[in-house]
Amino acid sequence: SCEQHKYVEHENSQVVQTSWALMALMAAKCPDHDAIKRGIHLFMSRQQPDGQWKQEAIEGIFNHSCSISYPNYKHIFTIWALGRYAKMYGDVAVL
């Protein structure tokens, strides 16, 4: 039988997916700077005192059936998005 697969939204925002969204918004030069700042605020609110982010929900699904955790994604993509933000907006305050 052909099983239907659908996107299931997580009940909470995730730093990994937020970083992907932010990088897309910045690459598209989104004029809604407030949307980008909200994503940066999410990063700031979830960052731990040691600079890391906690592991959140599973980041990937392989072959529609196997959940895969990529523990470094929360650091790689978040820092990448923060770096892109700093490069594009310089000293623009986000607080």
PDB file of N, CA and C in Angstrom:
ATOM      1  N   SER A   1       0.832  -1.185   0.000  1.00  0.00           N
ATOM      2  CA  SER A   1       0.000   0.000   0.000  1.00  0.00           C
ATOM      3  C   SER A   1       0.876   1.248   0.000  1.00  0.00           C
ATOM      4  N   CYS A   2       0.388   2.290  -0.551  1.00  0.00           N
ATOM      5  CA  CYS A   2       1.122   3.554  -0.618  1.00  0.00           C
ATOM      6  C   CYS A   2       0.760   4.392   0.597  1.00  0.00           C
ATOM      7  N   GLU A   3       1.684   4.526   1.490  1.00  0.00           N
ATOM      8  CA  GLU A   3       1.448   5.299   2.712  1.00  0.00           C
ATOM      9  C   GLU A   3       1.685   6.777   2.451  1.00  0.00           C
ATOM     10  N   GLN A   4       0.772   7.607   2.931  1.00  0.00           N
ATOM     11  CA  GLN A   4       0.899   9.045   2.762  1.00  0.00           C
ATOM     12  C   GLN A   4       1.785   9.617   3.860  1.00  0.00           C
ATOM     13  N   HIS A   5       2.721  10.469   3.492  1.00  0.00           N
ATOM     14  CA  HIS A   5       3.592  11.134   4.452  1.00  0.00           C
ATOM     15  C   HIS A   5       3.261  12.614   4.433  1.00  0.00           C
ATOM     16  N   LYS A   6       3.267  13.202   5.589  1.00  0.00           N
ATOM     17  CA  LYS A   6       2.980  14.622   5.648  1.00  0.00           C
ATOM     18  C   LYS A   6       3.922  15.290   6.630  1.00  0.00           C
ATOM     19  N   TYR A   7       4.080  16.573   6.446  1.00  0.00           N
ATOM     20  CA  TYR A   7       4.889  17.387   7.343  1.00  0.00           C
ATOM     21  C   TYR A   7       4.170  17.499   8.682  1.00  0.00           C
ATOM     22  N   VAL A   8       4.916  17.315   9.754  1.00  0.00           N
ATOM     23  CA  VAL A   8       4.358  17.471  11.087  1.00  0.00           C
ATOM     24  C   VAL A   8       5.143  18.568  11.789  1.00  0.00           C
ATOM     25  N   GLU A   9       4.454  19.639  12.111  1.00  0.00           N
ATOM     26  CA  GLU A   9       5.097  20.774  12.756  1.00  0.00           C
ATOM     27  C   GLU A   9       5.353  20.467  14.223  1.00  0.00           C
ATOM     28  N   HIS A  10       6.537  20.814  14.692  1.00  0.00           N
ATOM     29  CA  HIS A  10       6.855  20.647  16.110  1.00  0.00           C
ATOM     30  C   HIS A  10       6.152  21.745  16.892  1.00  0.00           C
ATOM     31  N   GLU A  11       5.781  21.449  18.114  1.00  0.00           N
ATOM     32  CA  GLU A  11       5.035  22.437  18.906  1.00  0.00           C
ATOM     33  C   GLU A  11       5.884  23.636  19.317  1.00  0.00           C
ATOM     34  N   ASN A  12       7.206  23.513  19.288  1.00  0.00           N
ATOM     35  CA  ASN A  12       8.102  24.610  19.662  1.00  0.00           C
ATOM     36  C   ASN A  12       9.055  24.931  18.522  1.00  0.00           C
ATOM     37  N   SER A  13       9.482  26.182  18.466  1.00  0.00           N
ATOM     38  CA  SER A  13      10.531  26.556  17.516  1.00  0.00           C
ATOM     39  C   SER A  13      11.812  25.845  17.889  1.00  0.00           C
ATOM     40  N   GLN A  14      12.647  25.571  16.899  1.00  0.00           N
ATOM     41  CA  GLN A  14      13.916  24.885  17.108  1.00  0.00           C
ATOM     42  C   GLN A  14      15.051  25.775  16.596  1.00  0.00           C
ATOM     43  N   VAL A  15      16.188  25.791  17.273  1.00  0.00           N
ATOM     44  CA  VAL A  15      17.277  26.661  16.837  1.00  0.00           C
ATOM     45  C   VAL A  15      17.831  26.245  15.477  1.00  0.00           C
ATOM     46  N   VAL A  16      17.881  24.955  15.174  1.00  0.00           N
ATOM     47  CA  VAL A  16      18.432  24.522  13.888  1.00  0.00           C
ATOM     48  C   VAL A  16      17.549  25.005  12.740  1.00  0.00           C
ATOM     49  N   GLN A  17      16.263  24.727  12.817  1.00  0.00           N
ATOM     50  CA  GLN A  17      15.372  25.144  11.739  1.00  0.00           C
ATOM     51  C   GLN A  17      15.250  26.664  11.675  1.00  0.00           C
ATOM     52  N   THR A  18      15.314  27.330  12.819  1.00  0.00           N
ATOM     53  CA  THR A  18      15.286  28.793  12.830  1.00  0.00           C
ATOM     54  C   THR A  18      16.519  29.350  12.127  1.00  0.00           C
ATOM     55  N   SER A  19      17.666  28.720  12.329  1.00  0.00           N
ATOM     56  CA  SER A  19      18.879  29.204  11.651  1.00  0.00           C
ATOM     57  C   SER A  19      18.746  29.047  10.143  1.00  0.00           C
ATOM     58  N   TRP A  20      18.163  27.938   9.689  1.00  0.00           N
ATOM     59  CA  TRP A  20      17.952  27.752   8.245  1.00  0.00           C
ATOM     60  C   TRP A  20      17.017  28.835   7.707  1.00  0.00           C
ATOM     61  N   ALA A  21      15.952  29.107   8.429  1.00  0.00           N
ATOM     62  CA  ALA A  21      15.004  30.130   7.996  1.00  0.00           C
ATOM     63  C   ALA A  21      15.654  31.505   7.963  1.00  0.00           C
ATOM     64  N   LEU A  22      16.442  31.818   8.992  1.00  0.00           N
ATOM     65  CA  LEU A  22      17.111  33.121   9.033  1.00  0.00           C
ATOM     66  C   LEU A  22      18.093  33.286   7.882  1.00  0.00           C
ATOM     67  N   MET A  23      18.856  32.242   7.587  1.00  0.00           N
ATOM     68  CA  MET A  23      19.808  32.348   6.477  1.00  0.00           C
ATOM     69  C   MET A  23      19.076  32.553   5.152  1.00  0.00           C
ATOM     70  N   ALA A  24      17.919  31.910   4.991  1.00  0.00           N
ATOM     71  CA  ALA A  24      17.137  32.114   3.767  1.00  0.00           C
ATOM     72  C   ALA A  24      16.600  33.540   3.699  1.00  0.00           C
ATOM     73  N   LEU A  25      16.081  34.041   4.816  1.00  0.00           N
ATOM     74  CA  LEU A  25      15.571  35.420   4.831  1.00  0.00           C
ATOM     75  C   LEU A  25      16.677  36.422   4.526  1.00  0.00           C
ATOM     76  N   MET A  26      17.848  36.205   5.100  1.00  0.00           N
ATOM     77  CA  MET A  26      18.957  37.139   4.852  1.00  0.00           C
ATOM     78  C   MET A  26      19.468  37.026   3.429  1.00  0.00           C
ATOM     79  N   ALA A  27      19.531  35.801   2.893  1.00  0.00           N
ATOM     80  CA  ALA A  27      19.980  35.615   1.505  1.00  0.00           C
ATOM     81  C   ALA A  27      19.013  36.303   0.538  1.00  0.00           C
ATOM     82  N   ALA A  28      17.725  36.303   0.893  1.00  0.00           N
ATOM     83  CA  ALA A  28      16.713  36.944   0.056  1.00  0.00           C
ATOM     84  C   ALA A  28      16.604  38.444   0.317  1.00  0.00           C
ATOM     85  N   LYS A  29      17.430  38.941   1.252  1.00  0.00           N
ATOM     86  CA  LYS A  29      17.397  40.353   1.634  1.00  0.00           C
ATOM     87  C   LYS A  29      15.980  40.773   2.055  1.00  0.00           C
ATOM     88  N   CYS A  30      15.404  39.955   2.930  1.00  0.00           N
ATOM     89  CA  CYS A  30      14.051  40.192   3.427  1.00  0.00           C
ATOM     90  C   CYS A  30      13.963  41.569   4.066  1.00  0.00           C
ATOM     91  N   PRO A  31      12.975  42.375   3.661  1.00  0.00           N
ATOM     92  CA  PRO A  31      12.850  43.714   4.238  1.00  0.00           C
ATOM     93  C   PRO A  31      12.280  43.713   5.663  1.00  0.00           C
ATOM     94  N   ASP A  32      11.741  42.586   6.106  1.00  0.00           N
ATOM     95  CA  ASP A  32      11.162  42.488   7.448  1.00  0.00           C
ATOM     96  C   ASP A  32      12.263  42.174   8.457  1.00  0.00           C
ATOM     97  N   HIS A  33      13.018  43.208   8.833  1.00  0.00           N
ATOM     98  CA  HIS A  33      14.138  43.019   9.753  1.00  0.00           C
ATOM     99  C   HIS A  33      13.655  42.536  11.116  1.00  0.00           C
ATOM    100  N   ASP A  34      12.427  42.859  11.494  1.00  0.00           N
ATOM    101  CA  ASP A  34      11.898  42.392  12.781  1.00  0.00           C
ATOM    102  C   ASP A  34      11.794  40.866  12.824  1.00  0.00           C
ATOM    103  N   ALA A  35      11.435  40.244  11.718  1.00  0.00           N
ATOM    104  CA  ALA A  35      11.363  38.777  11.669  1.00  0.00           C
ATOM    105  C   ALA A  35      12.742  38.175  11.911  1.00  0.00           C
ATOM    106  N   ILE A  36      13.753  38.769  11.321  1.00  0.00           N
ATOM    107  CA  ILE A  36      15.123  38.282  11.504  1.00  0.00           C
ATOM    108  C   ILE A  36      15.561  38.491  12.950  1.00  0.00           C
ATOM    109  N   LYS A  37      15.250  39.648  13.501  1.00  0.00           N
ATOM    110  CA  LYS A  37      15.614  39.920  14.894  1.00  0.00           C
ATOM    111  C   LYS A  37      14.922  38.948  15.857  1.00  0.00           C
ATOM    112  N   ARG A  38      13.699  38.554  15.558  1.00  0.00           N
ATOM    113  CA  ARG A  38      13.010  37.580  16.424  1.00  0.00           C
ATOM    114  C   ARG A  38      13.757  36.254  16.434  1.00  0.00           C
ATOM    115  N   GLY A  39      14.284  35.852  15.293  1.00  0.00           N
ATOM    116  CA  GLY A  39      15.080  34.625  15.231  1.00  0.00           C
ATOM    117  C   GLY A  39      16.360  34.741  16.041  1.00  0.00           C
ATOM    118  N   ILE A  40      17.018  35.884  15.947  1.00  0.00           N
ATOM    119  CA  ILE A  40      18.238  36.124  16.730  1.00  0.00           C
ATOM    120  C   ILE A  40      17.901  36.096  18.221  1.00  0.00           C
ATOM    121  N   HIS A  41      16.781  36.666  18.595  1.00  0.00           N
ATOM    122  CA  HIS A  41      16.344  36.638  20.006  1.00  0.00           C
ATOM    123  C   HIS A  41      16.100  35.202  20.474  1.00  0.00           C
ATOM    124  N   LEU A  42      15.556  34.364  19.585  1.00  0.00           N
ATOM    125  CA  LEU A  42      15.354  32.960  19.944  1.00  0.00           C
ATOM    126  C   LEU A  42      16.698  32.315  20.276  1.00  0.00           C
ATOM    127  N   PHE A  43      17.697  32.552  19.437  1.00  0.00           N
ATOM    128  CA  PHE A  43      19.038  32.007  19.712  1.00  0.00           C
ATOM    129  C   PHE A  43      19.536  32.467  21.076  1.00  0.00           C
ATOM    130  N   MET A  44      19.411  33.763  21.312  1.00  0.00           N
ATOM    131  CA  MET A  44      19.917  34.335  22.561  1.00  0.00           C
ATOM    132  C   MET A  44      19.190  33.752  23.774  1.00  0.00           C
ATOM    133  N   SER A  45      17.891  33.529  23.657  1.00  0.00           N
ATOM    134  CA  SER A  45      17.124  33.015  24.789  1.00  0.00           C
ATOM    135  C   SER A  45      17.429  31.556  25.085  1.00  0.00           C
ATOM    136  N   ARG A  46      17.908  30.823  24.083  1.00  0.00           N
ATOM    137  CA  ARG A  46      18.177  29.397  24.273  1.00  0.00           C
ATOM    138  C   ARG A  46      19.654  29.085  24.525  1.00  0.00           C
ATOM    139  N   GLN A  47      20.506  30.076  24.347  1.00  0.00           N
ATOM    140  CA  GLN A  47      21.942  29.827  24.529  1.00  0.00           C
ATOM    141  C   GLN A  47      22.245  29.619  26.009  1.00  0.00           C
ATOM    142  N   GLN A  48      23.043  28.611  26.284  1.00  0.00           N
ATOM    143  CA  GLN A  48      23.416  28.255  27.644  1.00  0.00           C
ATOM    144  C   GLN A  48      24.574  29.136  28.128  1.00  0.00           C
ATOM    145  N   PRO A  49      24.802  29.212  29.448  1.00  0.00           N
ATOM    146  CA  PRO A  49      25.896  30.040  29.975  1.00  0.00           C
ATOM    147  C   PRO A  49      27.272  29.686  29.400  1.00  0.00           C
ATOM    148  N   ASP A  50      27.464  28.426  28.981  1.00  0.00           N
ATOM    149  CA  ASP A  50      28.756  28.034  28.411  1.00  0.00           C
ATOM    150  C   ASP A  50      28.844  28.308  26.911  1.00  0.00           C
ATOM    151  N   GLY A  51      27.802  28.939  26.343  1.00  0.00           N
ATOM    152  CA  GLY A  51      27.824  29.314  24.924  1.00  0.00           C
ATOM    153  C   GLY A  51      27.163  28.303  24.009  1.00  0.00           C
ATOM    154  N   GLN A  52      26.822  27.137  24.502  1.00  0.00           N
ATOM    155  CA  GLN A  52      26.224  26.101  23.669  1.00  0.00           C
ATOM    156  C   GLN A  52      24.698  26.208  23.672  1.00  0.00           C
ATOM    157  N   TRP A  53      24.078  25.407  22.812  1.00  0.00           N
ATOM    158  CA  TRP A  53      22.641  25.255  22.790  1.00  0.00           C
ATOM    159  C   TRP A  53      22.328  23.804  23.117  1.00  0.00           C
ATOM    160  N   LYS A  54      21.258  23.582  23.866  1.00  0.00           N
ATOM    161  CA  LYS A  54      20.854  22.221  24.207  1.00  0.00           C
ATOM    162  C   LYS A  54      20.340  21.497  22.974  1.00  0.00           C
ATOM    163  N   GLN A  55      20.455  20.185  23.004  1.00  0.00           N
ATOM    164  CA  GLN A  55      19.882  19.379  21.932  1.00  0.00           C
ATOM    165  C   GLN A  55      18.365  19.498  22.015  1.00  0.00           C
ATOM    166  N   GLU A  56      17.745  19.786  20.890  1.00  0.00           N
ATOM    167  CA  GLU A  56      16.292  19.910  20.851  1.00  0.00           C
ATOM    168  C   GLU A  56      15.732  18.693  20.111  1.00  0.00           C
ATOM    169  N   ALA A  57      14.704  18.869  19.342  1.00  0.00           N
ATOM    170  CA  ALA A  57      14.080  17.758  18.638  1.00  0.00           C
ATOM    171  C   ALA A  57      14.998  17.217  17.536  1.00  0.00           C
ATOM    172  N   ILE A  58      14.651  16.063  17.032  1.00  0.00           N
ATOM    173  CA  ILE A  58      15.385  15.423  15.942  1.00  0.00           C
ATOM    174  C   ILE A  58      15.412  16.365  14.736  1.00  0.00           C
ATOM    175  N   GLU A  59      16.582  16.486  14.115  1.00  0.00           N
ATOM    176  CA  GLU A  59      16.738  17.408  12.989  1.00  0.00           C
ATOM    177  C   GLU A  59      16.421  16.785  11.644  1.00  0.00           C
ATOM    178  N   GLY A  60      16.482  15.482  11.523  1.00  0.00           N
ATOM    179  CA  GLY A  60      16.304  14.894  10.204  1.00  0.00           C
ATOM    180  C   GLY A  60      15.598  13.554  10.216  1.00  0.00           C
ATOM    181  N   ILE A  61      15.014  13.228   9.085  1.00  0.00           N
ATOM    182  CA  ILE A  61      14.363  11.942   8.871  1.00  0.00           C
ATOM    183  C   ILE A  61      14.955  11.364   7.591  1.00  0.00           C
ATOM    184  N   PHE A  62      15.360  10.116   7.652  1.00  0.00           N
ATOM    185  CA  PHE A  62      15.933   9.424   6.497  1.00  0.00           C
ATOM    186  C   PHE A  62      14.945   8.374   6.026  1.00  0.00           C
ATOM    187  N   ASN A  63      14.689   8.338   4.752  1.00  0.00           N
ATOM    188  CA  ASN A  63      13.853   7.316   4.138  1.00  0.00           C
ATOM    189  C   ASN A  63      12.457   7.250   4.766  1.00  0.00           C
ATOM    190  N   HIS A  64      11.942   8.387   5.201  1.00  0.00           N
ATOM    191  CA  HIS A  64      10.597   8.511   5.776  1.00  0.00           C
ATOM    192  C   HIS A  64      10.382   7.697   7.043  1.00  0.00           C
ATOM    193  N   SER A  65      11.411   7.076   7.577  1.00  0.00           N
ATOM    194  CA  SER A  65      11.160   6.194   8.717  1.00  0.00           C
ATOM    195  C   SER A  65      12.237   6.209   9.800  1.00  0.00           C
ATOM    196  N   CYS A  66      13.362   6.792   9.531  1.00  0.00           N
ATOM    197  CA  CYS A  66      14.467   6.731  10.479  1.00  0.00           C
ATOM    198  C   CYS A  66      14.829   8.145  10.956  1.00  0.00           C
ATOM    199  N   SER A  67      14.619   8.413  12.221  1.00  0.00           N
ATOM    200  CA  SER A  67      14.964   9.716  12.795  1.00  0.00           C
ATOM    201  C   SER A  67      16.463   9.791  13.004  1.00  0.00           C
ATOM    202  N   ILE A  68      17.031  10.940  12.649  1.00  0.00           N
ATOM    203  CA  ILE A  68      18.473  11.122  12.772  1.00  0.00           C
ATOM    204  C   ILE A  68      18.751  12.408  13.540  1.00  0.00           C
ATOM    205  N   SER A  69      19.591  12.291  14.539  1.00  0.00           N
ATOM    206  CA  SER A  69      20.009  13.460  15.300  1.00  0.00           C
ATOM    207  C   SER A  69      21.387  13.896  14.799  1.00  0.00           C
ATOM    208  N   TYR A  70      21.519  15.161  14.530  1.00  0.00           N
ATOM    209  CA  TYR A  70      22.787  15.737  14.106  1.00  0.00           C
ATOM    210  C   TYR A  70      23.227  16.696  15.208  1.00  0.00           C
ATOM    211  N   PRO A  71      23.937  16.220  16.231  1.00  0.00           N
ATOM    212  CA  PRO A  71      24.217  17.043  17.410  1.00  0.00           C
ATOM    213  C   PRO A  71      25.021  18.314  17.147  1.00  0.00           C
ATOM    214  N   ASN A  72      25.784  18.361  16.086  1.00  0.00           N
ATOM    215  CA  ASN A  72      26.559  19.576  15.805  1.00  0.00           C
ATOM    216  C   ASN A  72      25.778  20.626  15.037  1.00  0.00           C
ATOM    217  N   TYR A  73      24.646  20.264  14.451  1.00  0.00           N
ATOM    218  CA  TYR A  73      23.857  21.224  13.686  1.00  0.00           C
ATOM    219  C   TYR A  73      23.462  22.424  14.532  1.00  0.00           C
ATOM    220  N   LYS A  74      23.141  22.188  15.795  1.00  0.00           N
ATOM    221  CA  LYS A  74      22.689  23.296  16.653  1.00  0.00           C
ATOM    222  C   LYS A  74      23.788  24.334  16.845  1.00  0.00           C
ATOM    223  N   HIS A  75      25.019  23.944  16.660  1.00  0.00           N
ATOM    224  CA  HIS A  75      26.133  24.894  16.769  1.00  0.00           C
ATOM    225  C   HIS A  75      26.522  25.442  15.392  1.00  0.00           C
ATOM    226  N   ILE A  76      26.675  24.561  14.430  1.00  0.00           N
ATOM    227  CA  ILE A  76      27.137  24.961  13.098  1.00  0.00           C
ATOM    228  C   ILE A  76      26.198  25.982  12.459  1.00  0.00           C
ATOM    229  N   PHE A  77      24.935  25.633  12.354  1.00  0.00           N
ATOM    230  CA  PHE A  77      24.004  26.499  11.629  1.00  0.00           C
ATOM    231  C   PHE A  77      23.625  27.742  12.416  1.00  0.00           C
ATOM    232  N   THR A  78      23.545  27.617  13.737  1.00  0.00           N
ATOM    233  CA  THR A  78      23.229  28.785  14.551  1.00  0.00           C
ATOM    234  C   THR A  78      24.351  29.820  14.464  1.00  0.00           C
ATOM    235  N   ILE A  79      25.585  29.371  14.602  1.00  0.00           N
ATOM    236  CA  ILE A  79      26.728  30.286  14.511  1.00  0.00           C
ATOM    237  C   ILE A  79      26.852  30.860  13.096  1.00  0.00           C
ATOM    238  N   TRP A  80      26.577  30.046  12.103  1.00  0.00           N
ATOM    239  CA  TRP A  80      26.607  30.511  10.716  1.00  0.00           C
ATOM    240  C   TRP A  80      25.581  31.636  10.525  1.00  0.00           C
ATOM    241  N   ALA A  81      24.353  31.430  11.020  1.00  0.00           N
ATOM    242  CA  ALA A  81      23.320  32.463  10.899  1.00  0.00           C
ATOM    243  C   ALA A  81      23.701  33.719  11.671  1.00  0.00           C
ATOM    244  N   LEU A  82      24.263  33.560  12.859  1.00  0.00           N
ATOM    245  CA  LEU A  82      24.696  34.725  13.637  1.00  0.00           C
ATOM    246  C   LEU A  82      25.809  35.480  12.914  1.00  0.00           C
ATOM    247  N   GLY A  83      26.724  34.749  12.312  1.00  0.00           N
ATOM    248  CA  GLY A  83      27.803  35.377  11.549  1.00  0.00           C
ATOM    249  C   GLY A  83      27.288  36.130  10.340  1.00  0.00           C
ATOM    250  N   ARG A  84      26.330  35.522   9.649  1.00  0.00           N
ATOM    251  CA  ARG A  84      25.742  36.204   8.490  1.00  0.00           C
ATOM    252  C   ARG A  84      25.007  37.462   8.932  1.00  0.00           C
ATOM    253  N   TYR A  85      24.312  37.376  10.056  1.00  0.00           N
ATOM    254  CA  TYR A  85      23.612  38.545  10.593  1.00  0.00           C
ATOM    255  C   TYR A  85      24.619  39.661  10.893  1.00  0.00           C
ATOM    256  N   ALA A  86      25.705  39.321  11.588  1.00  0.00           N
ATOM    257  CA  ALA A  86      26.724  40.318  11.941  1.00  0.00           C
ATOM    258  C   ALA A  86      27.340  40.937  10.683  1.00  0.00           C
ATOM    259  N   LYS A  87      27.575  40.111   9.671  1.00  0.00           N
ATOM    260  CA  LYS A  87      28.171  40.622   8.429  1.00  0.00           C
ATOM    261  C   LYS A  87      27.211  41.554   7.696  1.00  0.00           C
ATOM    262  N   MET A  88      25.930  41.201   7.696  1.00  0.00           N
ATOM    263  CA  MET A  88      24.953  42.013   6.955  1.00  0.00           C
ATOM    264  C   MET A  88      24.528  43.271   7.703  1.00  0.00           C
ATOM    265  N   TYR A  89      24.402  43.173   9.026  1.00  0.00           N
ATOM    266  CA  TYR A  89      23.818  44.275   9.782  1.00  0.00           C
ATOM    267  C   TYR A  89      24.811  44.950  10.723  1.00  0.00           C
ATOM    268  N   GLY A  90      26.023  44.441  10.806  1.00  0.00           N
ATOM    269  CA  GLY A  90      27.055  45.062  11.609  1.00  0.00           C
ATOM    270  C   GLY A  90      26.665  45.261  13.048  1.00  0.00           C
ATOM    271  N   ASP A  91      26.694  46.492  13.485  1.00  0.00           N
ATOM    272  CA  ASP A  91      26.452  46.813  14.879  1.00  0.00           C
ATOM    273  C   ASP A  91      24.977  47.102  15.201  1.00  0.00           C
ATOM    274  N   VAL A  92      24.088  46.711  14.333  1.00  0.00           N
ATOM    275  CA  VAL A  92      22.665  46.944  14.592  1.00  0.00           C
ATOM    276  C   VAL A  92      22.260  46.151  15.829  1.00  0.00           C
ATOM    277  N   ALA A  93      21.757  46.836  16.813  1.00  0.00           N
ATOM    278  CA  ALA A  93      21.380  46.186  18.071  1.00  0.00           C
ATOM    279  C   ALA A  93      20.152  45.303  17.869  1.00  0.00           C
ATOM    280  N   VAL A  94      20.144  44.167  18.525  1.00  0.00           N
ATOM    281  CA  VAL A  94      18.991  43.280  18.459  1.00  0.00           C
ATOM    282  C   VAL A  94      18.234  43.250  19.774  1.00  0.00           C
ATOM    283  N   LEU A  95      18.732  43.940  20.767  1.00  0.00           N
ATOM    284  CA  LEU A  95      18.058  43.943  22.071  1.00  0.00           C
ATOM    285  C   LEU A  95      16.934  44.938  22.123  1.00  0.00           C
TER     286      LEU A  95
END
